[in-house]
Amino acid sequence: MTHSFKAGGVKLGGGAPLALIAGPCVIESEKLALSVAKKLKRICESLKMPLIFKSSYDKANRSSGSSYRGPGLEEGLRALRRVKAETGLAILSDVHCREEVKAAAAVLDIIQIPAFLCRQTDLVHAVADTGKVVNVKKGQFLSPRQMANVIAKIESRGNRKILLTERGVSFGYGDLVVDMRSLVVMREFGYPVVFDATHSVQLPGGMGTASGGERQYVAPLSRAAVAVGIDALFIETHPDPDRALCDGPNSFPLRTLPELLKSVIAIHRALNKSK
């Protein structure tokens, strides 16, 4: 049993129902963010599945300078504040430097540390110091056991509201692979574990100036991860992934999301009944 806590009213860990963290990769517009959030809320309410809305205000960790980054800190947080006010959903987004943390903490319920930055001690400390739930994505270059050092940095600041997210590990150039043992290993640290199904099928730099992806594997990997045992599923979703401004190739179509969620909820319930 993992440690449990709440983020914006959503209980995570400790045997709580499987939660969904979902939304467009990046805020393309306030209108789109709000529309997707409302649709996700309706879907999850019908399935009785806890929901946390995720979208980035800035994609600062792109390989190409020509990649769409998003509206930026001020405008992006304003959009997320509106989503929160109109839907009542818990909100997650990522920060990229210490200077963003204070403003982000005023809006977000969960502050995410990107995989590439999970070893940046000053950033990890700054996020932990907010007292908010911290979602750390395991770097593509780390083994799951090495996350113990990241956990220790957060705990050293008196914060024990920690989520650990698996998003695949580098497999040669331009590919990722998911080792399902990682979910088991990280859960042994006593904190809730999240599986990021959409970034796990990313092909980093696969399109030259943008990441490619193999979204056909999102559903099977999601089902496998839930069967292994996780506390939340992370899925970036978009109404028209092929026209998404960021990470479209690995984003999951919003229209087919309910079918996937029904299957993972059934697996999660069956797993808990067998214990």
Protein backbone atom coordinates (compact mmCIF):
# COMPACT_ATOMS: atom_id res chain seq x y z
CA MET A 1 0.00 0.00 0.00
CA THR A 2 1.42 3.38 -0.98
CA HIS A 3 1.35 6.62 0.95
CA SER A 4 -1.78 8.65 0.17
CA PHE A 5 -2.63 12.34 -0.08
CA LYS A 6 -5.01 14.64 -1.91
CA ALA A 7 -4.47 16.99 -4.83
CA GLY A 8 -7.34 19.38 -5.42
CA GLY A 9 -9.78 16.93 -3.87
CA VAL A 10 -8.46 13.89 -5.75
CA LYS A 11 -7.09 11.16 -3.49
CA LEU A 12 -3.96 9.51 -4.83
CA GLY A 13 -2.43 6.30 -3.54
CA GLY A 14 -3.39 4.28 -0.50
CA GLY A 15 -5.74 2.03 -2.43
CA ALA A 16 -7.73 4.91 -3.95
CA PRO A 17 -9.47 4.41 -7.31
CA LEU A 18 -7.29 4.67 -10.40
CA ALA A 19 -6.98 8.35 -11.34
CA LEU A 20 -6.55 9.88 -14.78
CA ILE A 21 -4.16 12.72 -15.56
CA ALA A 22 -5.10 14.00 -19.01
CA GLY A 23 -5.30 16.95 -21.36
CA PRO A 24 -3.60 18.41 -24.44
CA CYS A 25 0.20 18.30 -24.39
CA VAL A 26 0.39 22.09 -24.54
CA ILE A 27 -2.09 24.95 -24.25
CA GLU A 28 -2.85 25.79 -27.87
CA SER A 29 -5.57 28.23 -26.86
CA GLU A 30 -7.64 28.94 -23.77
CA LYS A 31 -10.75 27.88 -25.71
CA LEU A 32 -9.33 24.46 -26.62
CA ALA A 33 -8.02 23.81 -23.11
CA LEU A 34 -11.41 24.59 -21.59
CA SER A 35 -13.27 22.53 -24.18
CA VAL A 36 -11.09 19.45 -23.66
CA ALA A 37 -11.28 19.84 -19.87
CA LYS A 38 -15.08 19.91 -19.94
CA LYS A 39 -15.26 16.86 -22.22
CA LEU A 40 -12.81 14.96 -20.03
CA LYS A 41 -14.85 15.86 -16.96
CA ARG A 42 -18.03 14.50 -18.53
CA ILE A 43 -16.26 11.29 -19.57
CA CYS A 44 -14.72 10.69 -16.16
CA GLU A 45 -17.87 11.55 -14.24
CA SER A 46 -19.77 8.96 -16.27
CA LEU A 47 -17.09 6.39 -15.42
CA LYS A 48 -16.70 7.56 -11.80
CA MET A 49 -12.98 8.04 -12.44
CA PRO A 50 -11.03 10.78 -10.61
CA LEU A 51 -9.57 13.32 -13.05
CA ILE A 52 -6.66 15.76 -12.98
CA PHE A 53 -6.37 18.11 -15.95
CA LYS A 54 -2.91 18.50 -17.48
CA SER A 55 -1.60 20.92 -20.08
CA SER A 56 1.73 22.74 -20.38
CA TYR A 57 1.98 26.53 -20.59
CA ASP A 58 5.50 26.21 -22.02
CA LYS A 59 7.33 23.35 -23.69
CA ALA A 60 10.83 24.53 -22.93
CA ASN A 61 12.53 21.16 -23.53
CA ARG A 62 12.18 20.85 -27.31
CA SER A 63 15.09 19.78 -29.52
CA SER A 64 14.24 22.33 -32.21
CA GLY A 65 13.89 26.05 -31.66
CA SER A 66 11.11 26.10 -34.24
CA SER A 67 8.83 23.84 -32.19
CA TYR A 68 5.65 25.36 -30.76
CA ARG A 69 6.23 26.13 -27.09
CA GLY A 70 2.87 27.39 -25.88
CA PRO A 71 1.53 30.72 -24.62
CA GLY A 72 4.09 31.15 -21.85
CA LEU A 73 3.87 31.47 -18.08
CA GLU A 74 1.51 34.40 -17.60
CA GLU A 75 -1.03 33.67 -20.32
CA GLY A 76 -0.82 29.92 -19.78
CA LEU A 77 -1.48 30.13 -16.06
CA ARG A 78 -4.39 32.46 -16.74
CA ALA A 79 -5.89 29.80 -19.02
CA LEU A 80 -5.35 27.08 -16.43
CA ARG A 81 -6.88 29.28 -13.72
CA ARG A 82 -10.00 29.63 -15.87
CA VAL A 83 -10.16 25.87 -16.46
CA LYS A 84 -9.94 25.33 -12.72
CA ALA A 85 -12.61 27.95 -11.95
CA GLU A 86 -15.11 26.71 -14.55
CA THR A 87 -14.66 22.96 -14.08
CA GLY A 88 -13.48 22.55 -10.49
CA LEU A 89 -10.82 20.13 -11.69
CA ALA A 90 -7.43 19.66 -10.08
CA ILE A 91 -4.70 21.08 -12.34
CA LEU A 92 -1.21 19.83 -13.22
CA SER A 93 1.47 21.52 -15.30
CA ASP A 94 5.24 21.48 -15.48
CA VAL A 95 7.85 24.04 -14.49
CA HIS A 96 11.29 24.46 -16.01
CA CYS A 97 13.16 26.84 -13.72
CA ARG A 98 13.01 28.14 -10.14
CA GLU A 99 11.76 31.53 -11.28
CA GLU A 100 8.46 29.98 -12.46
CA VAL A 101 7.69 28.03 -9.31
CA LYS A 102 6.03 30.71 -7.15
CA ALA A 103 3.60 31.81 -9.86
CA ALA A 104 2.84 28.22 -10.85
CA ALA A 105 2.18 27.18 -7.25
CA ALA A 106 -0.51 29.86 -6.97
CA VAL A 107 -2.58 28.04 -9.64
CA LEU A 108 -1.51 24.39 -9.81
CA ASP A 109 -2.53 21.55 -7.51
CA ILE A 110 0.31 19.35 -8.77
CA ILE A 111 3.63 20.73 -9.97
CA GLN A 112 5.46 18.50 -12.41
CA ILE A 113 9.22 18.26 -12.81
CA PRO A 114 10.05 17.22 -16.39
CA ALA A 115 12.07 14.06 -16.97
CA PHE A 116 15.05 15.97 -18.36
CA LEU A 117 15.16 18.10 -15.18
CA CYS A 118 14.59 15.46 -12.50
CA ARG A 119 18.21 15.73 -11.35
CA GLN A 120 18.23 19.54 -11.10
CA THR A 121 18.57 19.89 -7.34
CA ASP A 122 17.67 23.58 -7.04
CA LEU A 123 14.51 23.11 -9.08
CA VAL A 124 13.49 19.99 -7.15
CA HIS A 125 13.99 21.82 -3.86
CA ALA A 126 12.05 24.88 -5.03
CA VAL A 127 9.06 22.77 -6.08
CA ALA A 128 9.16 20.74 -2.87
CA ASP A 129 9.24 23.93 -0.80
CA THR A 130 5.81 24.96 -2.14
CA GLY A 131 4.19 22.16 -0.17
CA LYS A 132 2.23 21.18 -3.27
CA VAL A 133 2.05 17.66 -4.65
CA VAL A 134 5.22 17.04 -6.69
CA ASN A 135 5.05 14.82 -9.76
CA VAL A 136 8.52 13.78 -10.83
CA LYS A 137 8.95 12.17 -14.21
CA LYS A 138 11.74 9.61 -14.17
CA GLY A 139 14.42 10.66 -16.61
CA GLN A 140 14.78 8.55 -19.75
CA PHE A 141 18.39 8.06 -18.66
CA LEU A 142 17.68 6.79 -15.11
CA SER A 143 16.99 3.38 -13.68
CA PRO A 144 13.97 3.21 -11.37
CA ARG A 145 16.16 2.60 -8.35
CA GLN A 146 18.01 5.87 -8.97
CA MET A 147 14.76 7.73 -8.22
CA ALA A 148 15.56 7.13 -4.55
CA ASN A 149 17.93 10.10 -4.74
CA VAL A 150 15.24 12.39 -6.17
CA ILE A 151 12.81 11.29 -3.47
CA ALA A 152 15.39 12.05 -0.80
CA LYS A 153 15.79 15.60 -2.11
CA ILE A 154 12.05 16.23 -1.87
CA GLU A 155 11.73 14.61 1.54
CA SER A 156 14.64 16.71 2.83
CA ARG A 157 12.39 19.76 2.40
CA GLY A 158 9.64 18.21 4.51
CA ASN A 159 7.40 17.34 1.56
CA ARG A 160 6.05 13.81 1.28
CA LYS A 161 3.38 14.42 -1.31
CA ILE A 162 5.25 12.76 -4.16
CA LEU A 163 4.17 11.11 -7.39
CA LEU A 164 6.66 9.09 -9.44
CA THR A 165 6.01 8.84 -13.18
CA GLU A 166 7.37 6.28 -15.60
CA ARG A 167 7.65 7.55 -19.20
CA GLY A 168 9.95 5.05 -20.84
CA VAL A 169 13.71 4.73 -21.01
CA SER A 170 16.03 5.56 -23.92
CA PHE A 171 16.57 2.58 -26.19
CA GLY A 172 19.31 3.53 -28.59
CA TYR A 173 18.77 6.66 -30.69
CA GLY A 174 15.27 8.04 -31.13
CA ASP A 175 13.33 5.30 -29.37
CA LEU A 176 11.97 4.47 -25.94
CA VAL A 177 11.06 1.20 -24.28
CA VAL A 178 8.95 0.54 -21.19
CA ASP A 179 10.27 -1.83 -18.56
CA MET A 180 7.19 -2.72 -16.50
CA ARG A 181 9.47 -3.73 -13.62
CA SER A 182 10.08 -0.01 -13.16
CA LEU A 183 6.52 0.44 -11.88
CA VAL A 184 7.05 -2.23 -9.24
CA VAL A 185 10.45 -0.91 -8.17
CA MET A 186 9.27 2.69 -7.79
CA ARG A 187 6.15 1.66 -5.90
CA GLU A 188 8.41 -0.03 -3.36
CA PHE A 189 9.54 3.45 -2.30
CA GLY A 190 6.07 3.87 -0.78
CA TYR A 191 4.74 6.60 -3.06
CA PRO A 192 2.01 6.51 -5.71
CA VAL A 193 3.21 5.65 -9.19
CA VAL A 194 1.94 7.07 -12.48
CA PHE A 195 2.33 5.56 -15.94
CA ASP A 196 2.71 8.12 -18.74
CA ALA A 197 1.33 6.09 -21.63
CA THR A 198 1.66 8.73 -24.32
CA HIS A 199 5.24 9.89 -23.75
CA SER A 200 6.29 6.25 -23.45
CA VAL A 201 5.45 5.75 -27.13
CA GLN A 202 7.27 8.89 -28.24
CA LEU A 203 10.06 8.71 -30.81
CA PRO A 204 12.32 11.57 -29.63
CA GLY A 205 13.41 13.69 -32.59
CA GLY A 206 11.80 11.13 -34.88
CA MET A 207 10.54 13.77 -37.31
CA GLY A 208 13.75 15.78 -37.51
CA THR A 209 12.52 19.02 -35.94
CA ALA A 210 9.80 17.37 -33.85
CA SER A 211 9.17 14.16 -31.94
CA GLY A 212 7.44 11.28 -33.63
CA GLY A 213 5.31 8.70 -31.91
CA GLU A 214 3.47 5.40 -32.14
CA ARG A 215 0.08 6.06 -30.60
CA GLN A 216 -1.16 2.59 -31.59
CA TYR A 217 0.72 1.27 -28.55
CA VAL A 218 -0.86 3.66 -26.01
CA ALA A 219 -3.81 1.38 -25.27
CA PRO A 220 -1.93 -1.93 -24.85
CA LEU A 221 0.78 -0.34 -22.70
CA SER A 222 -1.86 1.38 -20.56
CA ARG A 223 -3.63 -1.91 -19.93
CA ALA A 224 -0.35 -3.62 -19.12
CA ALA A 225 0.71 -0.93 -16.66
CA VAL A 226 -2.63 -1.01 -14.83
CA ALA A 227 -2.37 -4.79 -14.59
CA VAL A 228 1.10 -4.46 -13.04
CA GLY A 229 -0.22 -1.95 -10.50
CA ILE A 230 -0.27 1.85 -10.70
CA ASP A 231 -2.13 4.66 -8.98
CA ALA A 232 -2.75 6.99 -11.92
CA LEU A 233 -2.64 6.89 -15.69
CA PHE A 234 -1.21 9.85 -17.61
CA ILE A 235 -2.55 10.32 -21.14
CA GLU A 236 -2.13 13.37 -23.34
CA THR A 237 -5.24 13.63 -25.49
CA HIS A 238 -6.42 15.91 -28.27
CA PRO A 239 -9.59 16.21 -30.40
CA ASP A 240 -7.48 15.98 -33.57
CA PRO A 241 -4.00 14.60 -32.74
CA ASP A 242 -2.76 14.85 -36.31
CA ARG A 243 -3.23 18.62 -36.13
CA ALA A 244 -1.96 19.09 -32.58
CA LEU A 245 0.76 21.72 -32.26
CA CYS A 246 2.90 19.55 -29.98
CA ASP A 247 3.40 15.77 -29.58
CA GLY A 248 0.53 14.95 -31.90
CA PRO A 249 1.96 11.59 -33.09
CA ASN A 250 1.86 10.19 -29.56
CA SER A 251 -1.32 11.95 -28.37
CA PHE A 252 -4.43 9.80 -27.93
CA PRO A 253 -7.65 10.74 -29.77
CA LEU A 254 -10.19 12.19 -27.36
CA ARG A 255 -13.11 10.48 -29.11
CA THR A 256 -11.74 6.98 -28.42
CA LEU A 257 -10.57 7.67 -24.86
CA PRO A 258 -13.76 6.39 -23.12
CA GLU A 259 -13.27 2.91 -24.57
CA LEU A 260 -9.71 2.73 -23.25
CA LEU A 261 -10.69 4.06 -19.83
CA LYS A 262 -13.44 1.47 -19.45
CA SER A 263 -10.92 -1.31 -20.05
CA VAL A 264 -8.30 -0.02 -17.61
CA ILE A 265 -10.91 0.60 -14.91
CA ALA A 266 -12.08 -3.01 -15.28
CA ILE A 267 -8.48 -4.26 -15.00
CA HIS A 268 -7.83 -2.10 -11.94
CA ARG A 269 -10.95 -3.34 -10.18
CA ALA A 270 -10.18 -6.96 -11.00
CA LEU A 271 -6.63 -6.55 -9.69
CA ASN A 272 -7.86 -5.09 -6.39
CA LYS A 273 -10.48 -7.83 -5.96
CA SER A 274 -7.81 -10.49 -6.32
CA LYS A 275 -5.75 -9.11 -3.43
